[in-house]
Amino acid sequence: MQMRTSGLLGFVLLQCCLVSSQAVSPRTPAFFFGGRQVYVGMAQQEAVALLSHCCVLLPPVESEVEKRPAPNGKVLGHMILPKEEPSQGILGAIFFSGGRVVRVTRPLAKEVDTWNEDVVGFARAIKRSLSSDTDTATVVVSVRHEHLSNAESDVVSFSFPDGRGIQLQVGTLDKPDANTGKRDFVTLDEALE
């Protein structure tokens, strides 16, 4: 696996765990689109009005896509595209139910090639290691910084109640690796604790 590609995915996953959004209140995280706050629980009409200043929703809200049947009781949503240049890409997605926002998403790292085989393989390895006999499991996520004799890294740990765990280490060597000539690296390990 190419170190640069896996390093980018590691960075994305680390950012996913570390991202801190500005919030409506200390307990209500929010995302910003066009400088306007959107958060779970806000009224659908308010969210649509705020987003209409900068963005276009596809399919349009008038389609009432969330009322269509979806697999496993999921709610269908709307892509959020920039109003001025929709070809620029998807800014996120928003999901409504009962006249309220129930979910909002946005990409963490647009510069990552999500079609790259190494990135796909790395993500599938994480997914396989998360799989268990049940569909849901409580996971404790922790982050710690390590200073080694030749590198610094951040370790993101996912710990399961049964003692299994996953450790994602994202780091930078003091000097480039003799074989690759690169300093940044990521490792993914399963652990028993």
N, C-alpha and C. Protein backbone atom coordinates (compact mmCIF):
# COMPACT_ATOMS: atom_id res chain seq x y z
N MET A 1 0.85 -1.17 0.00
CA MET A 1 0.00 0.00 0.00
C MET A 1 0.89 1.23 0.00
N GLN A 2 0.55 2.20 -0.77
CA GLN A 2 1.34 3.42 -0.82
C GLN A 2 1.18 4.18 0.48
N MET A 3 2.31 4.60 1.06
CA MET A 3 2.27 5.31 2.34
C MET A 3 1.50 6.62 2.23
N ARG A 4 1.66 7.35 1.14
CA ARG A 4 0.99 8.66 1.01
C ARG A 4 -0.52 8.50 1.02
N THR A 5 -1.00 7.53 0.26
CA THR A 5 -2.43 7.31 0.17
C THR A 5 -2.99 6.87 1.52
N SER A 6 -2.35 5.89 2.14
CA SER A 6 -2.85 5.44 3.43
C SER A 6 -2.66 6.51 4.48
N GLY A 7 -1.64 7.31 4.35
CA GLY A 7 -1.44 8.43 5.27
C GLY A 7 -2.57 9.42 5.17
N LEU A 8 -3.03 9.69 3.95
CA LEU A 8 -4.16 10.60 3.77
C LEU A 8 -5.42 10.05 4.40
N LEU A 9 -5.67 8.74 4.21
CA LEU A 9 -6.86 8.15 4.81
C LEU A 9 -6.74 8.17 6.33
N GLY A 10 -5.56 7.89 6.85
CA GLY A 10 -5.36 7.95 8.29
C GLY A 10 -5.63 9.34 8.81
N PHE A 11 -5.17 10.35 8.07
CA PHE A 11 -5.41 11.73 8.46
C PHE A 11 -6.90 12.02 8.47
N VAL A 12 -7.62 11.53 7.46
CA VAL A 12 -9.06 11.73 7.39
C VAL A 12 -9.74 11.10 8.59
N LEU A 13 -9.36 9.86 8.93
CA LEU A 13 -9.98 9.19 10.06
C LEU A 13 -9.64 9.90 11.37
N LEU A 14 -8.42 10.37 11.50
CA LEU A 14 -8.03 11.10 12.69
C LEU A 14 -8.85 12.37 12.81
N GLN A 15 -9.00 13.09 11.70
CA GLN A 15 -9.79 14.31 11.72
C GLN A 15 -11.24 14.00 12.07
N CYS A 16 -11.74 12.87 11.62
CA CYS A 16 -13.11 12.47 11.95
C CYS A 16 -13.27 12.35 13.45
N CYS A 17 -12.26 11.81 14.11
CA CYS A 17 -12.35 11.63 15.55
C CYS A 17 -12.06 12.90 16.32
N LEU A 18 -11.27 13.80 15.74
CA LEU A 18 -10.84 14.98 16.46
C LEU A 18 -11.61 16.24 16.10
N VAL A 19 -12.41 16.18 15.02
CA VAL A 19 -13.05 17.40 14.54
C VAL A 19 -13.92 18.01 15.63
N SER A 20 -13.80 19.31 15.79
CA SER A 20 -14.64 20.00 16.76
C SER A 20 -15.38 21.11 16.04
N SER A 21 -16.66 20.96 15.91
CA SER A 21 -17.49 21.94 15.22
C SER A 21 -17.87 23.04 16.17
N GLN A 22 -18.07 24.24 15.61
CA GLN A 22 -18.66 25.29 16.42
C GLN A 22 -20.07 24.84 16.74
N ALA A 23 -20.60 25.31 17.85
CA ALA A 23 -21.87 24.76 18.29
C ALA A 23 -22.89 25.84 18.61
N VAL A 24 -24.15 25.45 18.51
CA VAL A 24 -25.26 26.32 18.87
C VAL A 24 -25.26 26.51 20.38
N SER A 25 -25.05 25.46 21.11
CA SER A 25 -24.86 25.49 22.55
C SER A 25 -23.73 24.52 22.84
N PRO A 26 -23.24 24.46 24.06
CA PRO A 26 -22.13 23.56 24.34
C PRO A 26 -22.42 22.10 24.00
N ARG A 27 -23.71 21.73 23.91
CA ARG A 27 -24.06 20.34 23.67
C ARG A 27 -24.62 20.08 22.27
N THR A 28 -24.77 21.10 21.46
CA THR A 28 -25.38 20.94 20.14
C THR A 28 -24.35 21.25 19.06
N PRO A 29 -23.71 20.24 18.49
CA PRO A 29 -22.76 20.51 17.41
C PRO A 29 -23.49 20.97 16.15
N ALA A 30 -22.82 21.80 15.37
CA ALA A 30 -23.42 22.33 14.15
C ALA A 30 -22.38 22.34 13.04
N PHE A 31 -22.86 22.26 11.81
CA PHE A 31 -22.01 22.45 10.64
C PHE A 31 -22.39 23.79 10.03
N PHE A 32 -21.44 24.37 9.31
CA PHE A 32 -21.68 25.65 8.65
C PHE A 32 -21.65 25.46 7.15
N PHE A 33 -22.66 25.99 6.49
CA PHE A 33 -22.74 26.01 5.04
C PHE A 33 -22.99 27.46 4.66
N GLY A 34 -22.09 28.05 3.88
CA GLY A 34 -22.24 29.45 3.50
C GLY A 34 -22.29 30.38 4.71
N GLY A 35 -21.58 30.02 5.77
CA GLY A 35 -21.53 30.84 6.97
C GLY A 35 -22.75 30.72 7.87
N ARG A 36 -23.64 29.78 7.59
CA ARG A 36 -24.86 29.64 8.39
C ARG A 36 -24.89 28.28 9.07
N GLN A 37 -25.32 28.27 10.34
CA GLN A 37 -25.34 27.06 11.15
C GLN A 37 -26.51 26.16 10.80
N VAL A 38 -26.21 24.87 10.67
CA VAL A 38 -27.23 23.85 10.49
C VAL A 38 -26.94 22.77 11.52
N TYR A 39 -27.97 22.35 12.26
CA TYR A 39 -27.75 21.37 13.32
C TYR A 39 -28.95 20.42 13.41
N VAL A 40 -28.72 19.28 14.00
CA VAL A 40 -29.77 18.28 14.19
C VAL A 40 -30.77 18.84 15.19
N GLY A 41 -32.05 18.70 14.86
CA GLY A 41 -33.11 19.17 15.72
C GLY A 41 -33.74 20.47 15.27
N MET A 42 -33.05 21.22 14.39
CA MET A 42 -33.64 22.47 13.95
C MET A 42 -34.81 22.18 13.01
N ALA A 43 -35.71 23.13 12.90
CA ALA A 43 -36.89 22.97 12.05
C ALA A 43 -36.47 22.85 10.58
N GLN A 44 -37.14 21.98 9.85
CA GLN A 44 -36.85 21.77 8.43
C GLN A 44 -36.97 23.08 7.67
N GLN A 45 -38.02 23.84 7.91
CA GLN A 45 -38.22 25.11 7.19
C GLN A 45 -37.06 26.07 7.44
N GLU A 46 -36.59 26.14 8.68
CA GLU A 46 -35.48 27.02 9.01
C GLU A 46 -34.20 26.58 8.29
N ALA A 47 -33.93 25.27 8.31
CA ALA A 47 -32.73 24.76 7.65
C ALA A 47 -32.78 25.02 6.15
N VAL A 48 -33.92 24.78 5.53
CA VAL A 48 -34.07 25.00 4.09
C VAL A 48 -33.88 26.48 3.76
N ALA A 49 -34.45 27.35 4.58
CA ALA A 49 -34.30 28.80 4.34
C ALA A 49 -32.84 29.23 4.47
N LEU A 50 -32.14 28.73 5.49
CA LEU A 50 -30.73 29.09 5.68
C LEU A 50 -29.87 28.58 4.51
N LEU A 51 -30.12 27.35 4.10
CA LEU A 51 -29.32 26.77 3.02
C LEU A 51 -29.62 27.41 1.67
N SER A 52 -30.82 27.95 1.50
CA SER A 52 -31.19 28.53 0.20
C SER A 52 -30.33 29.74 -0.17
N HIS A 53 -29.67 30.34 0.80
CA HIS A 53 -28.81 31.50 0.53
C HIS A 53 -27.53 31.10 -0.21
N CYS A 54 -27.06 29.89 0.03
CA CYS A 54 -25.77 29.49 -0.54
C CYS A 54 -25.83 28.21 -1.36
N CYS A 55 -26.89 27.46 -1.17
CA CYS A 55 -26.86 26.08 -1.66
C CYS A 55 -28.15 25.68 -2.37
N VAL A 56 -28.06 24.55 -3.03
CA VAL A 56 -29.20 23.92 -3.70
C VAL A 56 -29.32 22.52 -3.13
N LEU A 57 -30.55 22.09 -2.84
CA LEU A 57 -30.77 20.73 -2.36
C LEU A 57 -31.27 19.87 -3.50
N LEU A 58 -30.64 18.71 -3.67
CA LEU A 58 -31.06 17.74 -4.70
C LEU A 58 -31.30 16.39 -4.05
N PRO A 59 -32.41 15.75 -4.28
CA PRO A 59 -33.57 16.30 -4.96
C PRO A 59 -34.13 17.47 -4.16
N PRO A 60 -34.92 18.33 -4.82
CA PRO A 60 -35.49 19.49 -4.12
C PRO A 60 -36.38 19.05 -2.95
N VAL A 61 -36.50 19.90 -1.95
CA VAL A 61 -37.33 19.60 -0.78
C VAL A 61 -38.75 19.29 -1.19
N GLU A 62 -39.24 19.95 -2.23
CA GLU A 62 -40.61 19.74 -2.70
C GLU A 62 -40.86 18.30 -3.15
N SER A 63 -39.82 17.56 -3.45
CA SER A 63 -39.98 16.17 -3.88
C SER A 63 -40.42 15.27 -2.72
N GLU A 64 -40.24 15.77 -1.48
CA GLU A 64 -40.58 15.01 -0.29
C GLU A 64 -39.99 13.61 -0.30
N VAL A 65 -38.73 13.52 -0.71
CA VAL A 65 -38.03 12.24 -0.82
C VAL A 65 -38.03 11.47 0.50
N GLU A 66 -38.02 12.19 1.62
CA GLU A 66 -37.97 11.51 2.91
C GLU A 66 -39.24 10.72 3.22
N LYS A 67 -40.30 10.94 2.46
CA LYS A 67 -41.55 10.20 2.67
C LYS A 67 -41.58 8.90 1.88
N ARG A 68 -40.60 8.69 1.02
CA ARG A 68 -40.55 7.45 0.24
C ARG A 68 -40.02 6.31 1.11
N PRO A 69 -40.44 5.08 0.83
CA PRO A 69 -39.92 3.95 1.61
C PRO A 69 -38.43 3.75 1.32
N ALA A 70 -37.68 3.49 2.38
CA ALA A 70 -36.25 3.25 2.25
C ALA A 70 -35.90 1.96 2.99
N PRO A 71 -34.83 1.30 2.59
CA PRO A 71 -34.46 0.03 3.23
C PRO A 71 -34.11 0.23 4.71
N ASN A 72 -34.48 -0.75 5.52
CA ASN A 72 -34.15 -0.80 6.95
C ASN A 72 -34.61 0.43 7.73
N GLY A 73 -35.69 1.05 7.29
CA GLY A 73 -36.22 2.20 8.02
C GLY A 73 -35.35 3.44 7.96
N LYS A 74 -34.39 3.48 7.07
CA LYS A 74 -33.53 4.66 6.91
C LYS A 74 -34.33 5.80 6.32
N VAL A 75 -33.82 7.00 6.48
CA VAL A 75 -34.46 8.18 5.92
C VAL A 75 -33.66 8.61 4.69
N LEU A 76 -34.35 8.85 3.59
CA LEU A 76 -33.69 9.34 2.39
C LEU A 76 -33.41 10.83 2.55
N GLY A 77 -32.33 11.31 1.95
CA GLY A 77 -31.95 12.70 2.16
C GLY A 77 -31.74 13.48 0.88
N HIS A 78 -31.16 14.66 1.06
CA HIS A 78 -30.92 15.60 -0.02
C HIS A 78 -29.43 15.96 -0.04
N MET A 79 -28.83 15.94 -1.23
CA MET A 79 -27.46 16.40 -1.36
C MET A 79 -27.46 17.93 -1.28
N ILE A 80 -26.40 18.46 -0.66
CA ILE A 80 -26.24 19.91 -0.57
C ILE A 80 -25.15 20.31 -1.57
N LEU A 81 -25.53 21.10 -2.57
CA LEU A 81 -24.59 21.54 -3.61
C LEU A 81 -24.44 23.06 -3.55
N PRO A 82 -23.27 23.58 -3.94
CA PRO A 82 -23.12 25.04 -3.96
C PRO A 82 -24.03 25.65 -5.03
N LYS A 83 -24.70 26.74 -4.68
CA LYS A 83 -25.65 27.38 -5.58
C LYS A 83 -24.98 27.93 -6.82
N GLU A 84 -23.84 28.59 -6.66
CA GLU A 84 -23.16 29.25 -7.77
C GLU A 84 -22.52 28.28 -8.75
N GLU A 85 -21.90 27.21 -8.23
CA GLU A 85 -21.23 26.25 -9.09
C GLU A 85 -21.53 24.83 -8.65
N PRO A 86 -22.72 24.30 -9.00
CA PRO A 86 -23.07 22.94 -8.58
C PRO A 86 -22.08 21.88 -9.04
N SER A 87 -21.37 22.14 -10.14
CA SER A 87 -20.39 21.16 -10.63
C SER A 87 -19.17 21.06 -9.71
N GLN A 88 -19.05 21.99 -8.76
CA GLN A 88 -17.92 22.00 -7.83
C GLN A 88 -17.93 20.78 -6.91
N GLY A 89 -19.07 20.14 -6.76
CA GLY A 89 -19.13 18.94 -5.94
C GLY A 89 -20.11 19.06 -4.79
N ILE A 90 -20.29 17.96 -4.11
CA ILE A 90 -21.24 17.88 -3.01
C ILE A 90 -20.62 18.47 -1.74
N LEU A 91 -21.34 19.40 -1.13
CA LEU A 91 -20.88 20.02 0.13
C LEU A 91 -21.29 19.17 1.33
N GLY A 92 -22.32 18.36 1.15
CA GLY A 92 -22.81 17.53 2.24
C GLY A 92 -24.16 16.95 1.90
N ALA A 93 -24.87 16.50 2.93
CA ALA A 93 -26.22 15.96 2.77
C ALA A 93 -27.02 16.29 4.01
N ILE A 94 -28.32 16.41 3.84
CA ILE A 94 -29.20 16.72 4.96
C ILE A 94 -30.41 15.80 4.89
N PHE A 95 -30.87 15.37 6.07
CA PHE A 95 -31.96 14.41 6.17
C PHE A 95 -33.02 14.98 7.12
N PHE A 96 -34.28 14.89 6.72
CA PHE A 96 -35.39 15.41 7.51
C PHE A 96 -36.35 14.29 7.88
N SER A 97 -36.99 14.44 9.03
CA SER A 97 -38.06 13.53 9.43
C SER A 97 -38.94 14.29 10.43
N GLY A 98 -40.24 14.22 10.23
CA GLY A 98 -41.16 14.89 11.13
C GLY A 98 -40.97 16.40 11.20
N GLY A 99 -40.54 17.00 10.07
CA GLY A 99 -40.36 18.45 10.03
C GLY A 99 -39.11 18.96 10.73
N ARG A 100 -38.18 18.06 11.03
CA ARG A 100 -36.94 18.43 11.71
C ARG A 100 -35.73 17.83 10.99
N VAL A 101 -34.58 18.46 11.20
CA VAL A 101 -33.32 17.90 10.70
C VAL A 101 -32.95 16.74 11.62
N VAL A 102 -32.71 15.55 11.04
CA VAL A 102 -32.35 14.39 11.84
C VAL A 102 -30.90 13.95 11.60
N ARG A 103 -30.28 14.47 10.52
CA ARG A 103 -28.90 14.10 10.22
C ARG A 103 -28.34 15.10 9.22
N VAL A 104 -27.06 15.44 9.40
CA VAL A 104 -26.34 16.31 8.47
C VAL A 104 -24.96 15.71 8.28
N THR A 105 -24.48 15.67 7.05
CA THR A 105 -23.13 15.16 6.79
C THR A 105 -22.35 16.15 5.94
N ARG A 106 -21.03 16.03 5.97
CA ARG A 106 -20.16 16.80 5.07
C ARG A 106 -18.86 16.03 4.93
N PRO A 107 -18.21 16.16 3.77
CA PRO A 107 -16.94 15.46 3.58
C PRO A 107 -15.85 16.07 4.44
N LEU A 108 -14.94 15.24 4.92
CA LEU A 108 -13.84 15.72 5.75
C LEU A 108 -12.63 16.12 4.94
N ALA A 109 -12.33 15.40 3.88
CA ALA A 109 -11.11 15.68 3.11
C ALA A 109 -11.37 15.46 1.64
N LYS A 110 -11.73 16.53 0.95
CA LYS A 110 -12.05 16.42 -0.47
C LYS A 110 -10.83 16.05 -1.33
N GLU A 111 -9.63 16.30 -0.81
CA GLU A 111 -8.43 16.03 -1.60
C GLU A 111 -8.07 14.54 -1.68
N VAL A 112 -8.76 13.70 -0.91
CA VAL A 112 -8.49 12.27 -0.94
C VAL A 112 -9.22 11.65 -2.13
N ASP A 113 -8.49 10.87 -2.92
CA ASP A 113 -9.06 10.17 -4.06
C ASP A 113 -9.83 8.96 -3.54
N THR A 114 -11.14 9.09 -3.42
CA THR A 114 -11.95 8.02 -2.84
C THR A 114 -12.09 6.80 -3.76
N TRP A 115 -11.60 6.90 -4.98
CA TRP A 115 -11.62 5.77 -5.90
C TRP A 115 -10.30 5.01 -5.90
N ASN A 116 -9.31 5.51 -5.19
CA ASN A 116 -7.99 4.88 -5.14
C ASN A 116 -8.08 3.50 -4.48
N GLU A 117 -7.50 2.49 -5.12
CA GLU A 117 -7.59 1.11 -4.62
C GLU A 117 -6.99 0.97 -3.23
N ASP A 118 -5.90 1.68 -2.94
CA ASP A 118 -5.29 1.60 -1.62
C ASP A 118 -6.20 2.20 -0.55
N VAL A 119 -6.83 3.31 -0.85
CA VAL A 119 -7.75 3.93 0.10
C VAL A 119 -8.94 3.01 0.35
N VAL A 120 -9.50 2.44 -0.71
CA VAL A 120 -10.63 1.52 -0.58
C VAL A 120 -10.21 0.30 0.24
N GLY A 121 -9.06 -0.26 -0.05
CA GLY A 121 -8.56 -1.42 0.70
C GLY A 121 -8.35 -1.11 2.17
N PHE A 122 -7.81 0.06 2.46
CA PHE A 122 -7.57 0.48 3.84
C PHE A 122 -8.91 0.61 4.58
N ALA A 123 -9.89 1.26 3.95
CA ALA A 123 -11.20 1.42 4.58
C ALA A 123 -11.88 0.07 4.79
N ARG A 124 -11.73 -0.84 3.84
CA ARG A 124 -12.34 -2.17 4.00
C ARG A 124 -11.67 -2.94 5.12
N ALA A 125 -10.37 -2.76 5.31
CA ALA A 125 -9.67 -3.41 6.42
C ALA A 125 -10.22 -2.91 7.76
N ILE A 126 -10.48 -1.62 7.85
CA ILE A 126 -11.07 -1.07 9.08
C ILE A 126 -12.46 -1.64 9.28
N LYS A 127 -13.26 -1.68 8.23
CA LYS A 127 -14.63 -2.20 8.32
C LYS A 127 -14.63 -3.66 8.77
N ARG A 128 -13.74 -4.48 8.19
CA ARG A 128 -13.66 -5.89 8.57
C ARG A 128 -13.29 -6.04 10.04
N SER A 129 -12.38 -5.21 10.51
CA SER A 129 -11.95 -5.34 11.91
C SER A 129 -13.03 -4.84 12.87
N LEU A 130 -13.95 -4.01 12.41
CA LEU A 130 -15.05 -3.55 13.24
C LEU A 130 -16.19 -4.54 13.28
N SER A 131 -16.26 -5.42 12.29
CA SER A 131 -17.37 -6.37 12.20
C SER A 131 -17.38 -7.30 13.40
N SER A 132 -18.58 -7.59 13.85
CA SER A 132 -18.74 -8.54 14.94
C SER A 132 -20.01 -9.34 14.69
N ASP A 133 -20.39 -10.14 15.66
CA ASP A 133 -21.59 -10.97 15.50
C ASP A 133 -22.87 -10.15 15.53
N THR A 134 -22.80 -8.96 16.10
CA THR A 134 -23.99 -8.11 16.17
C THR A 134 -23.81 -6.92 15.25
N ASP A 135 -24.93 -6.29 14.92
CA ASP A 135 -24.88 -5.12 14.04
C ASP A 135 -24.37 -3.88 14.76
N THR A 136 -24.61 -3.80 16.06
CA THR A 136 -24.18 -2.63 16.81
C THR A 136 -23.36 -3.06 18.02
N ALA A 137 -22.43 -2.22 18.38
CA ALA A 137 -21.61 -2.47 19.56
C ALA A 137 -21.15 -1.13 20.11
N THR A 138 -21.03 -1.08 21.42
CA THR A 138 -20.52 0.12 22.06
C THR A 138 -19.01 0.13 21.91
N VAL A 139 -18.48 1.26 21.46
CA VAL A 139 -17.04 1.38 21.25
C VAL A 139 -16.56 2.62 22.00
N VAL A 140 -15.44 2.49 22.69
CA VAL A 140 -14.82 3.64 23.35
C VAL A 140 -13.70 4.11 22.44
N VAL A 141 -13.74 5.39 22.07
CA VAL A 141 -12.72 5.97 21.20
C VAL A 141 -11.84 6.87 22.05
N SER A 142 -10.54 6.70 21.92
CA SER A 142 -9.61 7.57 22.64
C SER A 142 -8.49 7.98 21.70
N VAL A 143 -7.89 9.11 22.01
CA VAL A 143 -6.78 9.63 21.21
C VAL A 143 -5.65 10.00 22.16
N ARG A 144 -4.46 9.60 21.81
CA ARG A 144 -3.31 9.99 22.62
C ARG A 144 -2.15 10.34 21.70
N HIS A 145 -1.28 11.21 22.18
CA HIS A 145 -0.11 11.62 21.43
C HIS A 145 1.09 10.86 21.98
N GLU A 146 1.95 10.37 21.09
CA GLU A 146 3.15 9.65 21.51
C GLU A 146 4.37 10.31 20.91
N HIS A 147 5.41 10.42 21.71
CA HIS A 147 6.70 10.89 21.21
C HIS A 147 7.67 9.72 21.33
N LEU A 148 8.09 9.20 20.20
CA LEU A 148 9.02 8.08 20.17
C LEU A 148 10.44 8.60 19.94
N SER A 149 11.41 7.72 19.96
CA SER A 149 12.80 8.17 19.78
C SER A 149 13.06 8.71 18.38
N ASN A 150 12.26 8.29 17.39
CA ASN A 150 12.50 8.74 16.01
C ASN A 150 11.25 9.29 15.32
N ALA A 151 10.18 9.52 16.09
CA ALA A 151 8.93 9.97 15.47
C ALA A 151 7.97 10.53 16.51
N GLU A 152 6.97 11.22 16.00
CA GLU A 152 5.83 11.65 16.81
C GLU A 152 4.59 11.12 16.13
N SER A 153 3.62 10.71 16.93
CA SER A 153 2.39 10.20 16.32
C SER A 153 1.20 10.42 17.23
N ASP A 154 0.03 10.31 16.61
CA ASP A 154 -1.23 10.30 17.33
C ASP A 154 -1.82 8.91 17.14
N VAL A 155 -2.30 8.33 18.24
CA VAL A 155 -2.89 7.00 18.19
C VAL A 155 -4.37 7.13 18.51
N VAL A 156 -5.19 6.70 17.57
CA VAL A 156 -6.64 6.66 17.77
C VAL A 156 -6.99 5.22 18.07
N SER A 157 -7.58 4.99 19.24
CA SER A 157 -7.93 3.63 19.66
C SER A 157 -9.44 3.46 19.72
N PHE A 158 -9.91 2.35 19.17
CA PHE A 158 -11.31 1.94 19.24
C PHE A 158 -11.33 0.69 20.11
N SER A 159 -11.92 0.75 21.30
CA SER A 159 -11.93 -0.39 22.22
C SER A 159 -13.34 -0.93 22.39
N PHE A 160 -13.48 -2.25 22.21
CA PHE A 160 -14.76 -2.93 22.34
C PHE A 160 -14.88 -3.55 23.73
N PRO A 161 -16.10 -3.74 24.22
CA PRO A 161 -16.29 -4.33 25.55
C PRO A 161 -15.70 -5.73 25.69
N ASP A 162 -15.58 -6.48 24.59
CA ASP A 162 -15.06 -7.85 24.68
C ASP A 162 -13.54 -7.92 24.73
N GLY A 163 -12.86 -6.75 24.79
CA GLY A 163 -11.40 -6.74 24.88
C GLY A 163 -10.69 -6.56 23.55
N ARG A 164 -11.45 -6.65 22.44
CA ARG A 164 -10.85 -6.41 21.14
C ARG A 164 -10.69 -4.91 20.94
N GLY A 165 -9.77 -4.55 20.08
CA GLY A 165 -9.60 -3.15 19.78
C GLY A 165 -8.91 -2.94 18.45
N ILE A 166 -8.94 -1.69 18.00
CA ILE A 166 -8.26 -1.27 16.77
C ILE A 166 -7.45 -0.04 17.11
N GLN A 167 -6.21 -0.01 16.65
CA GLN A 167 -5.38 1.16 16.86
C GLN A 167 -4.92 1.70 15.52
N LEU A 168 -5.20 2.97 15.31
CA LEU A 168 -4.80 3.68 14.11
C LEU A 168 -3.74 4.68 14.53
N GLN A 169 -2.53 4.51 14.02
CA GLN A 169 -1.43 5.41 14.38
C GLN A 169 -1.06 6.25 13.17
N VAL A 170 -1.09 7.57 13.34
CA VAL A 170 -0.75 8.50 12.28
C VAL A 170 0.45 9.29 12.77
N GLY A 171 1.57 9.19 12.05
CA GLY A 171 2.76 9.83 12.57
C GLY A 171 3.69 10.40 11.52
N THR A 172 4.74 11.02 12.04
CA THR A 172 5.78 11.62 11.20
C THR A 172 7.14 11.24 11.78
N LEU A 173 7.97 10.66 10.93
CA LEU A 173 9.33 10.31 11.34
C LEU A 173 10.19 11.57 11.41
N ASP A 174 11.20 11.56 12.29
CA ASP A 174 12.13 12.69 12.36
C ASP A 174 12.92 12.83 11.06
N LYS A 175 13.30 11.68 10.48
CA LYS A 175 14.05 11.65 9.22
C LYS A 175 13.30 10.75 8.24
N PRO A 176 13.42 11.02 6.95
CA PRO A 176 12.74 10.16 5.97
C PRO A 176 13.18 8.70 6.08
N ASP A 177 12.24 7.80 5.84
CA ASP A 177 12.52 6.37 5.84
C ASP A 177 13.53 6.04 4.75
N ALA A 178 14.49 5.18 5.06
CA ALA A 178 15.56 4.83 4.11
C ALA A 178 15.01 4.14 2.86
N ASN A 179 13.94 3.37 2.98
CA ASN A 179 13.39 2.63 1.84
C ASN A 179 12.44 3.46 0.99
N THR A 180 11.63 4.29 1.62
CA THR A 180 10.60 5.03 0.87
C THR A 180 10.95 6.49 0.64
N GLY A 181 11.83 7.04 1.47
CA GLY A 181 12.15 8.46 1.38
C GLY A 181 11.05 9.35 1.93
N LYS A 182 10.08 8.75 2.62
CA LYS A 182 8.93 9.50 3.14
C LYS A 182 8.98 9.57 4.66
N ARG A 183 8.37 10.63 5.21
CA ARG A 183 8.34 10.81 6.66
C ARG A 183 6.98 10.45 7.27
N ASP A 184 5.90 10.72 6.55
CA ASP A 184 4.57 10.48 7.11
C ASP A 184 4.17 9.02 6.93
N PHE A 185 3.48 8.49 7.94
CA PHE A 185 3.07 7.09 7.88
C PHE A 185 1.76 6.90 8.64
N VAL A 186 1.13 5.76 8.39
CA VAL A 186 -0.05 5.35 9.15
C VAL A 186 0.03 3.84 9.32
N THR A 187 -0.38 3.37 10.49
CA THR A 187 -0.47 1.92 10.71
C THR A 187 -1.87 1.62 11.24
N LEU A 188 -2.33 0.42 10.99
CA LEU A 188 -3.62 -0.04 11.48
C LEU A 188 -3.40 -1.42 12.08
N ASP A 189 -3.68 -1.53 13.37
CA ASP A 189 -3.45 -2.80 14.08
C ASP A 189 -4.69 -3.21 14.84
N GLU A 190 -4.92 -4.52 14.91
CA GLU A 190 -5.93 -5.05 15.82
C GLU A 190 -5.22 -5.33 17.13
N ALA A 191 -5.93 -5.17 18.23
CA ALA A 191 -5.32 -5.38 19.53
C ALA A 191 -6.28 -6.11 20.45
N LEU A 192 -5.72 -6.88 21.37
CA LEU A 192 -6.49 -7.52 22.42
C LEU A 192 -6.01 -6.93 23.74
N GLU A 193 -6.94 -6.41 24.51
CA GLU A 193 -6.55 -5.78 25.79
C GLU A 193 -7.41 -6.30 26.91
